[in-house]
Amino acid sequence: MQLCRRGEVDRRRDRAPGGRVDLVINTPKEYDEQGRPDGYLIRRRAVDAGIPLITDLKLAGAIVEALRSKRPDELGVVAWGDYIKRGPVPLR
């Protein structure tokens, strides 16, 4: 997982393996001279490219913690119907 700070997006995209971005976490904090929140272009590019975008800081933290708690070989794809059938899962 690669992280980038404000202003580093274009350089990071060029250095990403295969030029791929799998997830964008961008939480706006300021507004530009046109009234757009900072990071507008980052979010716009993510949406246009169909890349998952997270803009809520608490949700981003929860997702990062969830990803850190699993090894890549423990992650898998579950069909939505199968996910619903399994019911609630107790939290640790």
N, C-alpha and C. Protein backbone atom coordinates (compact mmCIF):
# COMPACT_ATOMS: atom_id res chain seq x y z
N MET A 1 0.84 -1.15 0.00
CA MET A 1 0.00 0.00 0.00
C MET A 1 0.90 1.23 0.00
N GLN A 2 0.63 2.15 -0.91
CA GLN A 2 1.41 3.38 -0.97
C GLN A 2 0.52 4.53 -0.55
N LEU A 3 1.07 5.42 0.24
CA LEU A 3 0.36 6.61 0.67
C LEU A 3 1.00 7.82 0.02
N CYS A 4 0.21 8.86 -0.19
CA CYS A 4 0.79 10.08 -0.72
C CYS A 4 0.19 11.28 -0.01
N ARG A 5 0.94 12.33 0.02
CA ARG A 5 0.52 13.58 0.64
C ARG A 5 0.01 14.53 -0.44
N ARG A 6 -0.57 15.61 0.01
CA ARG A 6 -1.09 16.63 -0.91
C ARG A 6 0.01 17.04 -1.89
N GLY A 7 -0.33 17.11 -3.17
CA GLY A 7 0.63 17.54 -4.18
C GLY A 7 1.47 16.42 -4.77
N GLU A 8 1.39 15.22 -4.23
CA GLU A 8 2.22 14.12 -4.71
C GLU A 8 1.47 13.17 -5.63
N VAL A 9 0.21 13.44 -5.89
CA VAL A 9 -0.63 12.47 -6.60
C VAL A 9 -0.10 12.11 -7.97
N ASP A 10 0.22 13.09 -8.80
CA ASP A 10 0.67 12.78 -10.15
C ASP A 10 1.95 11.98 -10.14
N ARG A 11 2.89 12.32 -9.25
CA ARG A 11 4.15 11.57 -9.17
C ARG A 11 3.89 10.15 -8.69
N ARG A 12 3.02 9.97 -7.71
CA ARG A 12 2.73 8.63 -7.18
C ARG A 12 2.05 7.76 -8.23
N ARG A 13 1.13 8.33 -8.98
CA ARG A 13 0.43 7.55 -9.99
C ARG A 13 1.43 6.99 -10.99
N ASP A 14 2.42 7.81 -11.35
CA ASP A 14 3.42 7.36 -12.31
C ASP A 14 4.31 6.27 -11.74
N ARG A 15 4.49 6.23 -10.41
CA ARG A 15 5.36 5.24 -9.78
C ARG A 15 4.60 4.00 -9.32
N ALA A 16 3.26 4.02 -9.34
CA ALA A 16 2.49 2.87 -8.88
C ALA A 16 2.79 1.67 -9.77
N PRO A 17 2.81 0.46 -9.19
CA PRO A 17 3.11 -0.73 -9.98
C PRO A 17 2.12 -0.87 -11.14
N GLY A 18 2.64 -0.91 -12.34
CA GLY A 18 1.78 -1.04 -13.52
C GLY A 18 0.91 0.18 -13.77
N GLY A 19 1.18 1.28 -13.05
CA GLY A 19 0.37 2.48 -13.23
C GLY A 19 -1.03 2.35 -12.65
N ARG A 20 -1.27 1.33 -11.82
CA ARG A 20 -2.61 1.06 -11.29
C ARG A 20 -2.83 1.70 -9.93
N VAL A 21 -4.04 2.16 -9.74
CA VAL A 21 -4.48 2.66 -8.44
C VAL A 21 -5.71 1.83 -8.08
N ASP A 22 -5.70 1.18 -6.92
CA ASP A 22 -6.79 0.30 -6.53
C ASP A 22 -7.80 0.96 -5.61
N LEU A 23 -7.39 1.99 -4.89
CA LEU A 23 -8.26 2.64 -3.92
C LEU A 23 -7.74 4.05 -3.66
N VAL A 24 -8.67 5.00 -3.57
CA VAL A 24 -8.30 6.37 -3.25
C VAL A 24 -8.98 6.76 -1.94
N ILE A 25 -8.19 7.23 -0.99
CA ILE A 25 -8.71 7.80 0.25
C ILE A 25 -8.33 9.27 0.23
N ASN A 26 -9.34 10.14 0.18
CA ASN A 26 -9.09 11.57 0.09
C ASN A 26 -10.14 12.30 0.92
N THR A 27 -9.72 12.94 1.98
CA THR A 27 -10.65 13.65 2.85
C THR A 27 -10.44 15.15 2.68
N PRO A 28 -11.42 15.85 2.10
CA PRO A 28 -11.27 17.29 1.87
C PRO A 28 -11.22 18.08 3.17
N LYS A 29 -10.35 19.10 3.20
CA LYS A 29 -10.20 19.93 4.39
C LYS A 29 -10.27 21.42 4.09
N GLU A 30 -9.93 21.82 2.87
CA GLU A 30 -9.89 23.24 2.51
C GLU A 30 -10.60 23.42 1.17
N TYR A 31 -10.82 24.67 0.79
CA TYR A 31 -11.47 24.98 -0.48
C TYR A 31 -10.58 25.87 -1.32
N ASP A 32 -10.63 25.67 -2.65
CA ASP A 32 -9.81 26.50 -3.54
C ASP A 32 -10.55 27.79 -3.89
N GLU A 33 -9.93 28.60 -4.76
CA GLU A 33 -10.52 29.90 -5.13
C GLU A 33 -11.84 29.77 -5.86
N GLN A 34 -12.15 28.60 -6.41
CA GLN A 34 -13.43 28.38 -7.10
C GLN A 34 -14.46 27.71 -6.19
N GLY A 35 -14.12 27.55 -4.92
CA GLY A 35 -15.06 26.97 -3.97
C GLY A 35 -15.07 25.45 -3.95
N ARG A 36 -14.14 24.83 -4.67
CA ARG A 36 -14.06 23.37 -4.66
C ARG A 36 -13.19 22.91 -3.50
N PRO A 37 -13.58 21.81 -2.88
CA PRO A 37 -12.73 21.29 -1.80
C PRO A 37 -11.39 20.83 -2.34
N ASP A 38 -10.34 20.92 -1.51
CA ASP A 38 -9.03 20.45 -1.96
C ASP A 38 -9.12 18.97 -2.31
N GLY A 39 -8.34 18.57 -3.27
CA GLY A 39 -8.38 17.19 -3.72
C GLY A 39 -9.49 16.91 -4.72
N TYR A 40 -10.16 17.95 -5.18
CA TYR A 40 -11.28 17.78 -6.12
C TYR A 40 -10.86 16.95 -7.33
N LEU A 41 -9.73 17.28 -7.93
CA LEU A 41 -9.29 16.57 -9.14
C LEU A 41 -8.96 15.11 -8.84
N ILE A 42 -8.40 14.85 -7.66
CA ILE A 42 -8.11 13.47 -7.28
C ILE A 42 -9.41 12.67 -7.23
N ARG A 43 -10.41 13.23 -6.53
CA ARG A 43 -11.69 12.52 -6.40
C ARG A 43 -12.38 12.39 -7.75
N ARG A 44 -12.34 13.43 -8.57
CA ARG A 44 -12.98 13.41 -9.88
C ARG A 44 -12.36 12.32 -10.75
N ARG A 45 -11.03 12.23 -10.75
CA ARG A 45 -10.34 11.20 -11.55
C ARG A 45 -10.69 9.80 -11.05
N ALA A 46 -10.77 9.63 -9.73
CA ALA A 46 -11.12 8.32 -9.18
C ALA A 46 -12.52 7.91 -9.62
N VAL A 47 -13.48 8.82 -9.51
CA VAL A 47 -14.86 8.51 -9.91
C VAL A 47 -14.92 8.20 -11.40
N ASP A 48 -14.29 9.04 -12.21
CA ASP A 48 -14.31 8.83 -13.67
C ASP A 48 -13.69 7.49 -14.07
N ALA A 49 -12.67 7.05 -13.31
CA ALA A 49 -11.98 5.80 -13.63
C ALA A 49 -12.62 4.58 -12.97
N GLY A 50 -13.66 4.79 -12.16
CA GLY A 50 -14.31 3.67 -11.49
C GLY A 50 -13.49 3.09 -10.35
N ILE A 51 -12.60 3.90 -9.77
CA ILE A 51 -11.76 3.47 -8.65
C ILE A 51 -12.52 3.75 -7.36
N PRO A 52 -12.58 2.79 -6.44
CA PRO A 52 -13.26 3.05 -5.17
C PRO A 52 -12.66 4.28 -4.48
N LEU A 53 -13.56 5.13 -3.95
CA LEU A 53 -13.17 6.39 -3.35
C LEU A 53 -13.77 6.49 -1.96
N ILE A 54 -12.94 6.81 -0.98
CA ILE A 54 -13.39 7.00 0.40
C ILE A 54 -13.07 8.43 0.79
N THR A 55 -14.10 9.16 1.27
CA THR A 55 -13.91 10.55 1.65
C THR A 55 -14.20 10.80 3.13
N ASP A 56 -14.55 9.78 3.87
CA ASP A 56 -14.85 9.91 5.29
C ASP A 56 -13.68 9.38 6.10
N LEU A 57 -13.17 10.21 7.01
CA LEU A 57 -11.97 9.85 7.76
C LEU A 57 -12.17 8.64 8.67
N LYS A 58 -13.31 8.56 9.36
CA LYS A 58 -13.56 7.41 10.23
C LYS A 58 -13.69 6.12 9.43
N LEU A 59 -14.39 6.18 8.31
CA LEU A 59 -14.51 5.00 7.45
C LEU A 59 -13.15 4.59 6.91
N ALA A 60 -12.35 5.55 6.50
CA ALA A 60 -11.01 5.25 5.99
C ALA A 60 -10.18 4.53 7.06
N GLY A 61 -10.24 5.02 8.29
CA GLY A 61 -9.51 4.37 9.38
C GLY A 61 -9.97 2.96 9.62
N ALA A 62 -11.29 2.74 9.58
CA ALA A 62 -11.82 1.39 9.79
C ALA A 62 -11.38 0.44 8.68
N ILE A 63 -11.38 0.92 7.45
CA ILE A 63 -10.97 0.08 6.33
C ILE A 63 -9.48 -0.24 6.41
N VAL A 64 -8.67 0.74 6.74
CA VAL A 64 -7.22 0.50 6.87
C VAL A 64 -6.96 -0.53 7.97
N GLU A 65 -7.63 -0.40 9.11
CA GLU A 65 -7.45 -1.37 10.19
C GLU A 65 -7.90 -2.76 9.77
N ALA A 66 -9.01 -2.85 9.05
CA ALA A 66 -9.49 -4.14 8.58
C ALA A 66 -8.50 -4.79 7.62
N LEU A 67 -7.95 -3.99 6.72
CA LEU A 67 -6.96 -4.52 5.77
C LEU A 67 -5.67 -4.94 6.47
N ARG A 68 -5.28 -4.20 7.50
CA ARG A 68 -4.06 -4.55 8.23
C ARG A 68 -4.21 -5.84 9.02
N SER A 69 -5.44 -6.19 9.38
CA SER A 69 -5.66 -7.38 10.21
C SER A 69 -5.69 -8.67 9.40
N LYS A 70 -5.63 -8.59 8.09
CA LYS A 70 -5.68 -9.78 7.23
C LYS A 70 -4.44 -9.86 6.36
N ARG A 71 -4.01 -11.08 6.10
CA ARG A 71 -2.96 -11.31 5.12
C ARG A 71 -3.62 -11.40 3.74
N PRO A 72 -2.91 -11.04 2.69
CA PRO A 72 -3.51 -11.09 1.35
C PRO A 72 -4.12 -12.44 1.00
N ASP A 73 -3.50 -13.55 1.45
CA ASP A 73 -4.05 -14.87 1.11
C ASP A 73 -5.33 -15.18 1.90
N GLU A 74 -5.64 -14.39 2.92
CA GLU A 74 -6.87 -14.58 3.69
C GLU A 74 -8.06 -13.83 3.08
N LEU A 75 -7.77 -12.93 2.16
CA LEU A 75 -8.83 -12.16 1.53
C LEU A 75 -9.37 -12.90 0.32
N GLY A 76 -10.64 -12.80 0.11
CA GLY A 76 -11.24 -13.43 -1.06
C GLY A 76 -12.48 -12.68 -1.49
N VAL A 77 -13.02 -13.08 -2.60
CA VAL A 77 -14.23 -12.47 -3.13
C VAL A 77 -15.41 -13.33 -2.72
N VAL A 78 -16.45 -12.69 -2.20
CA VAL A 78 -17.67 -13.39 -1.80
C VAL A 78 -18.83 -12.79 -2.57
N ALA A 79 -19.61 -13.63 -3.21
CA ALA A 79 -20.78 -13.15 -3.94
C ALA A 79 -21.75 -12.50 -2.95
N TRP A 80 -22.43 -11.44 -3.38
CA TRP A 80 -23.32 -10.70 -2.50
C TRP A 80 -24.37 -11.61 -1.87
N GLY A 81 -24.97 -12.51 -2.65
CA GLY A 81 -25.98 -13.42 -2.11
C GLY A 81 -25.41 -14.31 -1.01
N ASP A 82 -24.20 -14.82 -1.20
CA ASP A 82 -23.55 -15.64 -0.17
C ASP A 82 -23.22 -14.83 1.07
N TYR A 83 -22.83 -13.58 0.86
CA TYR A 83 -22.51 -12.70 1.97
C TYR A 83 -23.76 -12.46 2.84
N ILE A 84 -24.88 -12.21 2.21
CA ILE A 84 -26.13 -11.97 2.94
C ILE A 84 -26.59 -13.23 3.67
N LYS A 85 -26.44 -14.39 3.05
CA LYS A 85 -26.87 -15.65 3.65
C LYS A 85 -26.13 -15.98 4.95
N ARG A 86 -24.87 -15.56 5.05
CA ARG A 86 -24.08 -15.95 6.22
C ARG A 86 -24.50 -15.22 7.48
N GLY A 87 -25.26 -14.14 7.37
CA GLY A 87 -25.78 -13.42 8.53
C GLY A 87 -24.72 -12.60 9.23
N PRO A 88 -25.08 -12.07 10.41
CA PRO A 88 -24.14 -11.22 11.14
C PRO A 88 -22.91 -11.99 11.60
N VAL A 89 -21.79 -11.31 11.61
CA VAL A 89 -20.54 -11.90 12.07
C VAL A 89 -20.14 -11.14 13.34
N PRO A 90 -19.85 -11.87 14.43
CA PRO A 90 -19.47 -11.17 15.67
C PRO A 90 -18.15 -10.43 15.51
N LEU A 91 -18.07 -9.26 16.11
CA LEU A 91 -16.83 -8.49 16.09
C LEU A 91 -15.89 -9.03 17.15
N ARG A 92 -14.59 -8.89 16.90
CA ARG A 92 -13.60 -9.37 17.86
C ARG A 92 -13.49 -8.45 19.04
